[in-house]
């Protein structure tokens, strides 16, 4: 069966279409937030790797007009808002942390990373590129996140994940790995949910 047919039978893909949200990623973030409650009214949020906008749609609903979301991606997004969304179309390796802080109006309560490389099909290359992005996201969290903030990041299971999770545990007091039910069973992705920066 081809991937289009498989996608058509996927309940989260169909639900995203029915609700008019950009992608199934909306439900992944919703399930994580339902468990941990990191997105609340008035939150200041950074979203790295935000295109096409599945996470953004959910974030904007949760933070409301008193909150603020700064989205960053090299590709454009398919989400509009009423003034509480700032979109920076840029490679994160070219991103100045001061630009994020200025757009937020202070430190972030939540930094989210759904970053993924442009896949080549060569697993070793793709995984190496992914963890370069993940390391950059972690570095940006150090420069922009409030000490009691949340860092949520997509990771791909590989020999590198143990070392990276060790880095997260040295950086944050609480680190949990989750695989939302809305992730495809065949996907190797997991999400690290991290809270409270260590002194």
C-alpha atoms as a PDB file:
ATOM      1  CA  UNK A   1       0.000   0.000   0.000  1.00  0.00           C
ATOM      2  CA  UNK A   2       1.417   3.401  -0.911  1.00  0.00           C
ATOM      3  CA  UNK A   3       2.020   6.168   1.647  1.00  0.00           C
ATOM      4  CA  UNK A   4      -0.892   8.290   0.394  1.00  0.00           C
ATOM      5  CA  UNK A   5      -3.320   5.458   1.044  1.00  0.00           C
ATOM      6  CA  UNK A   6      -1.789   4.813   4.466  1.00  0.00           C
ATOM      7  CA  UNK A   7      -2.018   8.486   5.351  1.00  0.00           C
ATOM      8  CA  UNK A   8      -5.651   8.556   4.311  1.00  0.00           C
ATOM      9  CA  UNK A   9      -6.415   5.769   6.796  1.00  0.00           C
ATOM     10  CA  UNK A  10      -4.552   7.529   9.636  1.00  0.00           C
ATOM     11  CA  UNK A  11      -7.104   8.866  12.147  1.00  0.00           C
ATOM     12  CA  UNK A  12      -4.926  11.813  13.233  1.00  0.00           C
ATOM     13  CA  UNK A  13      -4.287  12.861   9.638  1.00  0.00           C
ATOM     14  CA  UNK A  14      -8.044  12.732   8.975  1.00  0.00           C
ATOM     15  CA  UNK A  15      -8.770  14.596  12.208  1.00  0.00           C
ATOM     16  CA  UNK A  16      -6.296  17.353  11.297  1.00  0.00           C
ATOM     17  CA  UNK A  17      -8.051  17.748   7.944  1.00  0.00           C
ATOM     18  CA  UNK A  18     -11.464  17.862   9.598  1.00  0.00           C
ATOM     19  CA  UNK A  19     -10.433  20.465  12.181  1.00  0.00           C
ATOM     20  CA  UNK A  20      -8.502  22.555   9.661  1.00  0.00           C
ATOM     21  CA  UNK A  21      -5.159  22.406  11.509  1.00  0.00           C
ATOM     22  CA  UNK A  22      -1.955  22.295   9.429  1.00  0.00           C
ATOM     23  CA  UNK A  23      -0.722  18.837  10.499  1.00  0.00           C
ATOM     24  CA  UNK A  24      -1.047  15.877  12.875  1.00  0.00           C
ATOM     25  CA  UNK A  25       1.711  17.483  14.973  1.00  0.00           C
ATOM     26  CA  UNK A  26      -1.071  19.527  16.611  1.00  0.00           C
ATOM     27  CA  UNK A  27      -2.247  16.399  18.442  1.00  0.00           C
ATOM     28  CA  UNK A  28       1.241  15.364  19.540  1.00  0.00           C
ATOM     29  CA  UNK A  29       1.738  18.680  21.337  1.00  0.00           C
ATOM     30  CA  UNK A  30      -1.798  18.610  22.736  1.00  0.00           C
ATOM     31  CA  UNK A  31      -1.225  15.161  24.233  1.00  0.00           C
ATOM     32  CA  UNK A  32       2.095  16.203  25.775  1.00  0.00           C
ATOM     33  CA  UNK A  33       0.589  19.390  27.189  1.00  0.00           C
ATOM     34  CA  UNK A  34      -2.440  17.559  28.570  1.00  0.00           C
ATOM     35  CA  UNK A  35      -0.036  15.436  30.623  1.00  0.00           C
ATOM     36  CA  UNK A  36       2.462  18.111  31.736  1.00  0.00           C
ATOM     37  CA  UNK A  37       0.634  21.458  31.468  1.00  0.00           C
ATOM     38  CA  UNK A  38       3.567  23.537  30.218  1.00  0.00           C
ATOM     39  CA  UNK A  39       1.450  25.788  27.961  1.00  0.00           C
ATOM     40  CA  UNK A  40      -0.870  28.134  29.887  1.00  0.00           C
ATOM     41  CA  UNK A  41      -2.575  31.483  29.357  1.00  0.00           C
ATOM     42  CA  UNK A  42      -0.066  34.297  29.038  1.00  0.00           C
ATOM     43  CA  UNK A  43       2.980  32.093  28.358  1.00  0.00           C
ATOM     44  CA  UNK A  44       5.911  33.366  26.323  1.00  0.00           C
ATOM     45  CA  UNK A  45       6.828  30.611  23.887  1.00  0.00           C
ATOM     46  CA  UNK A  46       9.605  29.952  21.366  1.00  0.00           C
ATOM     47  CA  UNK A  47       8.786  27.392  18.650  1.00  0.00           C
ATOM     48  CA  UNK A  48      11.794  26.142  16.660  1.00  0.00           C
ATOM     49  CA  UNK A  49      11.053  24.250  13.447  1.00  0.00           C
ATOM     50  CA  UNK A  50       7.530  25.619  13.304  1.00  0.00           C
ATOM     51  CA  UNK A  51       6.535  24.985   9.661  1.00  0.00           C
ATOM     52  CA  UNK A  52       3.884  24.161   8.565  1.00  0.00           C
ATOM     53  CA  UNK A  53       2.304  25.164  11.878  1.00  0.00           C
ATOM     54  CA  UNK A  54       0.657  22.197  13.602  1.00  0.00           C
ATOM     55  CA  UNK A  55       2.253  23.045  16.943  1.00  0.00           C
ATOM     56  CA  UNK A  56       1.700  26.771  16.432  1.00  0.00           C
ATOM     57  CA  UNK A  57      -2.045  26.352  16.061  1.00  0.00           C
ATOM     58  CA  UNK A  58      -2.222  24.627  19.425  1.00  0.00           C
ATOM     59  CA  UNK A  59       0.196  27.031  21.145  1.00  0.00           C
ATOM     60  CA  UNK A  60      -1.785  30.084  20.074  1.00  0.00           C
ATOM     61  CA  UNK A  61      -4.997  28.551  21.406  1.00  0.00           C
ATOM     62  CA  UNK A  62      -3.385  27.802  24.761  1.00  0.00           C
ATOM     63  CA  UNK A  63      -1.494  31.053  25.434  1.00  0.00           C
ATOM     64  CA  UNK A  64      -4.300  33.354  24.310  1.00  0.00           C
ATOM     65  CA  UNK A  65      -4.010  37.024  23.451  1.00  0.00           C
ATOM     66  CA  UNK A  66      -2.039  37.777  26.621  1.00  0.00           C
ATOM     67  CA  UNK A  67       0.630  35.282  25.584  1.00  0.00           C
ATOM     68  CA  UNK A  68       3.245  35.514  22.873  1.00  0.00           C
ATOM     69  CA  UNK A  69       4.684  32.958  20.451  1.00  0.00           C
ATOM     70  CA  UNK A  70       7.879  33.474  18.477  1.00  0.00           C
ATOM     71  CA  UNK A  71       8.153  30.931  15.661  1.00  0.00           C
ATOM     72  CA  UNK A  72      11.342  30.178  13.755  1.00  0.00           C
ATOM     73  CA  UNK A  73      11.759  28.165  10.552  1.00  0.00           C
ATOM     74  CA  UNK A  74      13.539  28.361   7.203  1.00  0.00           C
ATOM     75  CA  UNK A  75      10.211  27.538   5.523  1.00  0.00           C
ATOM     76  CA  UNK A  76       7.039  29.597   5.659  1.00  0.00           C
ATOM     77  CA  UNK A  77       4.143  28.780   7.976  1.00  0.00           C
ATOM     78  CA  UNK A  78       0.433  28.312   7.279  1.00  0.00           C
ATOM     79  CA  UNK A  79      -0.834  29.989  10.448  1.00  0.00           C
ATOM     80  CA  UNK A  80      -2.082  33.507  11.082  1.00  0.00           C
ATOM     81  CA  UNK A  81      -2.902  35.151  14.391  1.00  0.00           C
ATOM     82  CA  UNK A  82      -4.150  38.410  15.855  1.00  0.00           C
ATOM     83  CA  UNK A  83      -0.923  40.010  16.975  1.00  0.00           C
ATOM     84  CA  UNK A  84       0.498  37.483  19.432  1.00  0.00           C
ATOM     85  CA  UNK A  85       2.598  35.580  16.873  1.00  0.00           C
ATOM     86  CA  UNK A  86       5.995  36.704  15.586  1.00  0.00           C
ATOM     87  CA  UNK A  87       7.492  34.657  12.743  1.00  0.00           C
ATOM     88  CA  UNK A  88      11.242  34.744  12.073  1.00  0.00           C
ATOM     89  CA  UNK A  89      12.099  33.052   8.771  1.00  0.00           C
ATOM     90  CA  UNK A  90      15.682  32.065   9.406  1.00  0.00           C
ATOM     91  CA  UNK A  91      18.057  29.132   9.833  1.00  0.00           C
ATOM     92  CA  UNK A  92      18.487  28.561  13.578  1.00  0.00           C
ATOM     93  CA  UNK A  93      22.266  28.512  13.164  1.00  0.00           C
ATOM     94  CA  UNK A  94      21.989  32.133  11.986  1.00  0.00           C
ATOM     95  CA  UNK A  95      19.623  33.087  14.803  1.00  0.00           C
ATOM     96  CA  UNK A  96      20.812  35.591  17.403  1.00  0.00           C
ATOM     97  CA  UNK A  97      19.393  34.778  20.869  1.00  0.00           C
ATOM     98  CA  UNK A  98      18.916  38.506  21.421  1.00  0.00           C
ATOM     99  CA  UNK A  99      16.510  38.534  18.474  1.00  0.00           C
ATOM    100  CA  UNK A 100      14.387  35.925  20.254  1.00  0.00           C
ATOM    101  CA  UNK A 101      14.482  37.790  23.554  1.00  0.00           C
ATOM    102  CA  UNK A 102      13.541  41.044  21.850  1.00  0.00           C
ATOM    103  CA  UNK A 103      10.630  39.458  19.995  1.00  0.00           C
ATOM    104  CA  UNK A 104       9.397  37.790  23.205  1.00  0.00           C
ATOM    105  CA  UNK A 105       9.824  40.833  25.412  1.00  0.00           C
ATOM    106  CA  UNK A 106      11.780  38.817  27.976  1.00  0.00           C
ATOM    107  CA  UNK A 107      12.794  35.255  28.702  1.00  0.00           C
ATOM    108  CA  UNK A 108      10.744  32.330  27.434  1.00  0.00           C
ATOM    109  CA  UNK A 109       8.474  30.278  29.680  1.00  0.00           C
ATOM    110  CA  UNK A 110       8.546  27.462  27.135  1.00  0.00           C
ATOM    111  CA  UNK A 111      10.961  26.582  24.333  1.00  0.00           C
ATOM    112  CA  UNK A 112       9.713  23.936  21.910  1.00  0.00           C
ATOM    113  CA  UNK A 113      11.756  22.231  19.209  1.00  0.00           C
ATOM    114  CA  UNK A 114      10.202  20.103  16.480  1.00  0.00           C
ATOM    115  CA  UNK A 115      13.311  20.556  14.352  1.00  0.00           C
ATOM    116  CA  UNK A 116      14.205  17.911  11.794  1.00  0.00           C
ATOM    117  CA  UNK A 117      16.770  17.932   8.988  1.00  0.00           C
ATOM    118  CA  UNK A 118      15.951  17.653   5.313  1.00  0.00           C
ATOM    119  CA  UNK A 119      16.237  13.898   5.083  1.00  0.00           C
ATOM    120  CA  UNK A 120      18.699  12.345   2.646  1.00  0.00           C
ATOM    121  CA  UNK A 121      17.635   8.733   3.229  1.00  0.00           C
ATOM    122  CA  UNK A 122      21.078   7.933   4.621  1.00  0.00           C
ATOM    123  CA  UNK A 123      20.284   7.233   8.272  1.00  0.00           C
ATOM    124  CA  UNK A 124      23.716   8.008   9.699  1.00  0.00           C
ATOM    125  CA  UNK A 125      23.784  11.381   7.925  1.00  0.00           C
ATOM    126  CA  UNK A 126      20.196  12.239   8.868  1.00  0.00           C
ATOM    127  CA  UNK A 127      20.712  11.345  12.539  1.00  0.00           C
ATOM    128  CA  UNK A 128      23.942  13.360  12.729  1.00  0.00           C
ATOM    129  CA  UNK A 129      22.177  16.385  11.221  1.00  0.00           C
ATOM    130  CA  UNK A 130      19.255  15.969  13.581  1.00  0.00           C
ATOM    131  CA  UNK A 131      21.465  16.000  16.655  1.00  0.00           C
ATOM    132  CA  UNK A 132      23.296  19.067  15.357  1.00  0.00           C
ATOM    133  CA  UNK A 133      19.891  20.796  15.305  1.00  0.00           C
ATOM    134  CA  UNK A 134      18.985  19.407  18.724  1.00  0.00           C
ATOM    135  CA  UNK A 135      22.263  20.666  20.194  1.00  0.00           C
ATOM    136  CA  UNK A 136      21.620  24.116  18.746  1.00  0.00           C
ATOM    137  CA  UNK A 137      18.113  24.131  20.241  1.00  0.00           C
ATOM    138  CA  UNK A 138      19.540  23.169  23.637  1.00  0.00           C
ATOM    139  CA  UNK A 139      22.101  25.969  23.347  1.00  0.00           C
ATOM    140  CA  UNK A 140      19.367  28.484  22.543  1.00  0.00           C
ATOM    141  CA  UNK A 141      17.397  27.280  25.559  1.00  0.00           C
ATOM    142  CA  UNK A 142      20.376  28.143  27.760  1.00  0.00           C
ATOM    143  CA  UNK A 143      20.353  31.691  26.437  1.00  0.00           C
ATOM    144  CA  UNK A 144      16.620  32.404  26.314  1.00  0.00           C
ATOM    145  CA  UNK A 145      14.716  30.188  28.779  1.00  0.00           C
ATOM    146  CA  UNK A 146      13.526  31.266  32.223  1.00  0.00           C
ATOM    147  CA  UNK A 147      15.044  29.245  35.070  1.00  0.00           C
ATOM    148  CA  UNK A 148      11.653  27.671  35.841  1.00  0.00           C
ATOM    149  CA  UNK A 149      10.824  27.163  32.193  1.00  0.00           C
ATOM    150  CA  UNK A 150      10.049  24.137  30.056  1.00  0.00           C
ATOM    151  CA  UNK A 151      12.070  22.710  27.148  1.00  0.00           C
ATOM    152  CA  UNK A 152      10.304  20.198  24.893  1.00  0.00           C
ATOM    153  CA  UNK A 153      12.277  18.658  22.036  1.00  0.00           C
ATOM    154  CA  UNK A 154      11.783  15.976  19.402  1.00  0.00           C
ATOM    155  CA  UNK A 155      14.499  13.321  19.317  1.00  0.00           C
ATOM    156  CA  UNK A 156      15.063  10.352  17.036  1.00  0.00           C
ATOM    157  CA  UNK A 157      15.987   7.076  18.668  1.00  0.00           C
ATOM    158  CA  UNK A 158      19.575   6.161  17.848  1.00  0.00           C
ATOM    159  CA  UNK A 159      22.838   5.446  19.663  1.00  0.00           C
ATOM    160  CA  UNK A 160      23.126   9.245  20.108  1.00  0.00           C
ATOM    161  CA  UNK A 161      19.949   9.629  22.141  1.00  0.00           C
ATOM    162  CA  UNK A 162      21.410   8.333  25.421  1.00  0.00           C
ATOM    163  CA  UNK A 163      24.244  10.864  25.336  1.00  0.00           C
ATOM    164  CA  UNK A 164      21.885  13.720  24.460  1.00  0.00           C
ATOM    165  CA  UNK A 165      19.413  12.792  27.206  1.00  0.00           C
ATOM    166  CA  UNK A 166      22.360  12.769  29.607  1.00  0.00           C
ATOM    167  CA  UNK A 167      23.090  16.360  28.538  1.00  0.00           C
ATOM    168  CA  UNK A 168      19.450  17.261  29.180  1.00  0.00           C
ATOM    169  CA  UNK A 169      19.558  15.737  32.659  1.00  0.00           C
ATOM    170  CA  UNK A 170      22.645  17.743  33.513  1.00  0.00           C
ATOM    171  CA  UNK A 171      20.865  20.875  32.348  1.00  0.00           C
ATOM    172  CA  UNK A 172      17.342  20.329  33.771  1.00  0.00           C
ATOM    173  CA  UNK A 173      16.016  19.025  37.081  1.00  0.00           C
ATOM    174  CA  UNK A 174      13.230  16.977  35.461  1.00  0.00           C
ATOM    175  CA  UNK A 175      13.498  15.116  32.151  1.00  0.00           C
ATOM    176  CA  UNK A 176      10.900  12.661  30.824  1.00  0.00           C
ATOM    177  CA  UNK A 177      10.772  10.835  27.473  1.00  0.00           C
ATOM    178  CA  UNK A 178       7.370  10.459  25.843  1.00  0.00           C
ATOM    179  CA  UNK A 179       5.933   9.008  22.644  1.00  0.00           C
ATOM    180  CA  UNK A 180       2.443  10.459  22.088  1.00  0.00           C
ATOM    181  CA  UNK A 181      -0.170   8.062  20.743  1.00  0.00           C
ATOM    182  CA  UNK A 182      -0.595  10.423  17.766  1.00  0.00           C
ATOM    183  CA  UNK A 183       2.965   9.618  16.621  1.00  0.00           C
ATOM    184  CA  UNK A 184       2.984   6.927  13.966  1.00  0.00           C
ATOM    185  CA  UNK A 185       3.896   3.541  15.497  1.00  0.00           C
ATOM    186  CA  UNK A 186       6.609   3.142  12.848  1.00  0.00           C
ATOM    187  CA  UNK A 187       8.250   6.462  13.739  1.00  0.00           C
ATOM    188  CA  UNK A 188      11.457   6.469  15.796  1.00  0.00           C
ATOM    189  CA  UNK A 189      10.621   9.890  17.253  1.00  0.00           C
ATOM    190  CA  UNK A 190      10.266  10.540  20.965  1.00  0.00           C
ATOM    191  CA  UNK A 191       9.869  13.799  22.862  1.00  0.00           C
ATOM    192  CA  UNK A 192      11.940  14.905  25.825  1.00  0.00           C
ATOM    193  CA  UNK A 193       9.931  17.059  28.237  1.00  0.00           C
ATOM    194  CA  UNK A 194      12.311  19.012  30.475  1.00  0.00           C
ATOM    195  CA  UNK A 195      11.529  21.370  33.370  1.00  0.00           C
ATOM    196  CA  UNK A 196      13.495  23.714  35.655  1.00  0.00           C
ATOM    197  CA  UNK A 197      17.008  24.732  34.709  1.00  0.00           C
ATOM    198  CA  UNK A 198      19.637  23.500  37.157  1.00  0.00           C
ATOM    199  CA  UNK A 199      21.641  26.171  39.002  1.00  0.00           C
END
